[in-house]
């Protein structure tokens, strides 16, 4: 699966699935776990992820989302492009709160995938 040229590079299938989940569920800062958990389950069921991957995926989703926020923030601080521009355009206003939402509901994602 290939989604975004900005993050192109070697990585695990689980990392890519976490990124896909962020975009396709979608995980939004004002999301509702009662809506998002079944969507996550449907995506993972369709993918055919094994039990070990299901246990690990919520942490991967959180790590990827938090990592994107951190990348944007560092770009803003250092001026590195395109991250500084994306930060200035308001992208961090999504990624930071989305990471908090995902992290706050970690146990619900795990339960949905069990």
C-alpha atoms as a PDB file:
ATOM      1  CA  UNK A   1       0.000   0.000   0.000  1.00  0.00           C
ATOM      2  CA  UNK A   2       1.370   3.420  -0.886  1.00  0.00           C
ATOM      3  CA  UNK A   3      -0.370   6.572   0.228  1.00  0.00           C
ATOM      4  CA  UNK A   4       1.899   9.568   0.614  1.00  0.00           C
ATOM      5  CA  UNK A   5       5.136  10.553  -1.116  1.00  0.00           C
ATOM      6  CA  UNK A   6       6.171  12.730   1.845  1.00  0.00           C
ATOM      7  CA  UNK A   7       6.551   9.689   4.051  1.00  0.00           C
ATOM      8  CA  UNK A   8       7.906   7.340   1.396  1.00  0.00           C
ATOM      9  CA  UNK A   9      10.513   4.938   2.660  1.00  0.00           C
ATOM     10  CA  UNK A  10      10.972   1.510   4.115  1.00  0.00           C
ATOM     11  CA  UNK A  11       8.474   0.660   6.794  1.00  0.00           C
ATOM     12  CA  UNK A  12       6.335  -2.109   8.143  1.00  0.00           C
ATOM     13  CA  UNK A  13       2.968  -3.181   6.841  1.00  0.00           C
ATOM     14  CA  UNK A  14       1.552  -2.444  10.292  1.00  0.00           C
ATOM     15  CA  UNK A  15       2.857   1.143  10.133  1.00  0.00           C
ATOM     16  CA  UNK A  16       1.216   1.589   6.728  1.00  0.00           C
ATOM     17  CA  UNK A  17      -2.034   0.071   7.975  1.00  0.00           C
ATOM     18  CA  UNK A  18      -1.972   2.496  10.909  1.00  0.00           C
ATOM     19  CA  UNK A  19      -1.609   5.401   8.503  1.00  0.00           C
ATOM     20  CA  UNK A  20      -4.429   4.015   6.388  1.00  0.00           C
ATOM     21  CA  UNK A  21      -6.634   3.680   9.450  1.00  0.00           C
ATOM     22  CA  UNK A  22      -6.015   7.304  10.377  1.00  0.00           C
ATOM     23  CA  UNK A  23      -7.214   8.456   6.989  1.00  0.00           C
ATOM     24  CA  UNK A  24      -9.928   5.937   6.209  1.00  0.00           C
ATOM     25  CA  UNK A  25     -11.731   5.562   9.554  1.00  0.00           C
ATOM     26  CA  UNK A  26     -11.138   8.637   9.743  1.00  0.00           C
ATOM     27  CA  UNK A  27      -9.749   9.549  13.146  1.00  0.00           C
ATOM     28  CA  UNK A  28     -10.765  13.163  13.701  1.00  0.00           C
ATOM     29  CA  UNK A  29     -10.149  15.248  16.823  1.00  0.00           C
ATOM     30  CA  UNK A  30     -13.880  15.425  17.556  1.00  0.00           C
ATOM     31  CA  UNK A  31     -14.497  11.783  16.681  1.00  0.00           C
ATOM     32  CA  UNK A  32     -16.789   9.370  18.446  1.00  0.00           C
ATOM     33  CA  UNK A  33     -15.333   5.988  19.453  1.00  0.00           C
ATOM     34  CA  UNK A  34     -18.787   4.415  19.111  1.00  0.00           C
ATOM     35  CA  UNK A  35     -18.625   5.291  15.399  1.00  0.00           C
ATOM     36  CA  UNK A  36     -14.890   4.975  14.815  1.00  0.00           C
ATOM     37  CA  UNK A  37     -14.281   1.628  16.541  1.00  0.00           C
ATOM     38  CA  UNK A  38     -16.573  -0.354  14.184  1.00  0.00           C
ATOM     39  CA  UNK A  39     -14.999   1.395  11.197  1.00  0.00           C
ATOM     40  CA  UNK A  40     -11.539   0.454  12.441  1.00  0.00           C
ATOM     41  CA  UNK A  41     -12.706  -3.121  12.939  1.00  0.00           C
ATOM     42  CA  UNK A  42     -14.122  -3.264   9.400  1.00  0.00           C
ATOM     43  CA  UNK A  43     -10.859  -1.973   7.906  1.00  0.00           C
ATOM     44  CA  UNK A  44      -8.760  -4.445   9.884  1.00  0.00           C
ATOM     45  CA  UNK A  45     -11.116  -7.346   9.158  1.00  0.00           C
ATOM     46  CA  UNK A  46     -10.961  -6.527   5.459  1.00  0.00           C
ATOM     47  CA  UNK A  47      -7.186  -6.409   5.605  1.00  0.00           C
ATOM     48  CA  UNK A  48      -7.047  -9.762   7.388  1.00  0.00           C
ATOM     49  CA  UNK A  49      -4.725  -8.659  10.182  1.00  0.00           C
ATOM     50  CA  UNK A  50      -3.692 -11.417  12.584  1.00  0.00           C
ATOM     51  CA  UNK A  51      -4.270 -11.336  16.357  1.00  0.00           C
ATOM     52  CA  UNK A  52      -0.785 -10.049  17.193  1.00  0.00           C
ATOM     53  CA  UNK A  53      -1.129  -7.224  14.696  1.00  0.00           C
ATOM     54  CA  UNK A  54      -4.544  -6.322  16.075  1.00  0.00           C
ATOM     55  CA  UNK A  55      -3.032  -5.910  19.536  1.00  0.00           C
ATOM     56  CA  UNK A  56      -0.228  -3.711  18.190  1.00  0.00           C
ATOM     57  CA  UNK A  57      -2.153  -1.605  15.689  1.00  0.00           C
ATOM     58  CA  UNK A  58      -3.722   0.967  18.055  1.00  0.00           C
ATOM     59  CA  UNK A  59      -0.271   1.945  19.335  1.00  0.00           C
ATOM     60  CA  UNK A  60       0.980   2.187  15.736  1.00  0.00           C
ATOM     61  CA  UNK A  61      -1.903   4.470  14.787  1.00  0.00           C
ATOM     62  CA  UNK A  62      -1.145   6.693  17.768  1.00  0.00           C
ATOM     63  CA  UNK A  63       2.598   6.711  17.069  1.00  0.00           C
ATOM     64  CA  UNK A  64       2.119   7.607  13.419  1.00  0.00           C
ATOM     65  CA  UNK A  65      -0.356  10.372  14.182  1.00  0.00           C
ATOM     66  CA  UNK A  66       1.780  11.810  16.985  1.00  0.00           C
ATOM     67  CA  UNK A  67       4.838  11.525  14.734  1.00  0.00           C
ATOM     68  CA  UNK A  68       3.168  13.560  12.017  1.00  0.00           C
ATOM     69  CA  UNK A  69       2.314  16.289  14.505  1.00  0.00           C
ATOM     70  CA  UNK A  70       5.893  16.296  15.814  1.00  0.00           C
ATOM     71  CA  UNK A  71       7.251  16.507  12.260  1.00  0.00           C
ATOM     72  CA  UNK A  72       5.065  19.510  11.499  1.00  0.00           C
ATOM     73  CA  UNK A  73       6.032  21.215  14.753  1.00  0.00           C
ATOM     74  CA  UNK A  74       9.761  20.644  14.120  1.00  0.00           C
ATOM     75  CA  UNK A  75       9.367  21.974  10.591  1.00  0.00           C
ATOM     76  CA  UNK A  76       7.736  25.081  11.982  1.00  0.00           C
ATOM     77  CA  UNK A  77      10.567  25.542  14.474  1.00  0.00           C
ATOM     78  CA  UNK A  78      13.378  24.933  11.968  1.00  0.00           C
ATOM     79  CA  UNK A  79      11.833  26.246   8.762  1.00  0.00           C
ATOM     80  CA  UNK A  80      12.259  22.883   7.019  1.00  0.00           C
ATOM     81  CA  UNK A  81       9.955  22.569   4.031  1.00  0.00           C
ATOM     82  CA  UNK A  82       7.350  21.452   3.276  1.00  0.00           C
ATOM     83  CA  UNK A  83       6.614  20.951   6.976  1.00  0.00           C
ATOM     84  CA  UNK A  84       6.938  24.618   7.938  1.00  0.00           C
ATOM     85  CA  UNK A  85       4.466  25.608   5.227  1.00  0.00           C
ATOM     86  CA  UNK A  86       2.048  22.833   6.164  1.00  0.00           C
ATOM     87  CA  UNK A  87       2.232  23.894   9.803  1.00  0.00           C
ATOM     88  CA  UNK A  88       1.523  27.504   8.791  1.00  0.00           C
ATOM     89  CA  UNK A  89      -1.455  26.313   6.744  1.00  0.00           C
ATOM     90  CA  UNK A  90      -2.949  24.758   9.873  1.00  0.00           C
ATOM     91  CA  UNK A  91      -2.247  21.054   9.405  1.00  0.00           C
ATOM     92  CA  UNK A  92      -0.866  20.680  12.925  1.00  0.00           C
ATOM     93  CA  UNK A  93      -4.234  21.842  14.250  1.00  0.00           C
ATOM     94  CA  UNK A  94      -5.576  18.511  13.013  1.00  0.00           C
ATOM     95  CA  UNK A  95      -2.698  16.150  13.778  1.00  0.00           C
ATOM     96  CA  UNK A  96      -2.100  17.153  17.413  1.00  0.00           C
ATOM     97  CA  UNK A  97      -5.711  16.860  18.572  1.00  0.00           C
ATOM     98  CA  UNK A  98      -6.195  13.727  16.443  1.00  0.00           C
ATOM     99  CA  UNK A  99      -3.234  12.117  18.210  1.00  0.00           C
ATOM    100  CA  UNK A 100      -4.718  13.041  21.580  1.00  0.00           C
ATOM    101  CA  UNK A 101      -8.071  11.521  20.586  1.00  0.00           C
ATOM    102  CA  UNK A 102      -6.447   8.290  19.415  1.00  0.00           C
ATOM    103  CA  UNK A 103      -4.265   8.044  22.528  1.00  0.00           C
ATOM    104  CA  UNK A 104      -7.164   8.813  24.875  1.00  0.00           C
ATOM    105  CA  UNK A 105      -9.268   5.966  23.438  1.00  0.00           C
ATOM    106  CA  UNK A 106      -6.502   3.368  23.057  1.00  0.00           C
ATOM    107  CA  UNK A 107      -8.305   0.739  25.135  1.00  0.00           C
ATOM    108  CA  UNK A 108     -11.459   1.121  23.042  1.00  0.00           C
ATOM    109  CA  UNK A 109      -9.510   0.490  19.827  1.00  0.00           C
ATOM    110  CA  UNK A 110      -7.902  -2.595  21.363  1.00  0.00           C
ATOM    111  CA  UNK A 111     -11.310  -3.886  22.476  1.00  0.00           C
ATOM    112  CA  UNK A 112     -12.796  -3.279  19.025  1.00  0.00           C
ATOM    113  CA  UNK A 113     -10.042  -5.334  17.420  1.00  0.00           C
ATOM    114  CA  UNK A 114     -10.195  -8.228  19.904  1.00  0.00           C
END
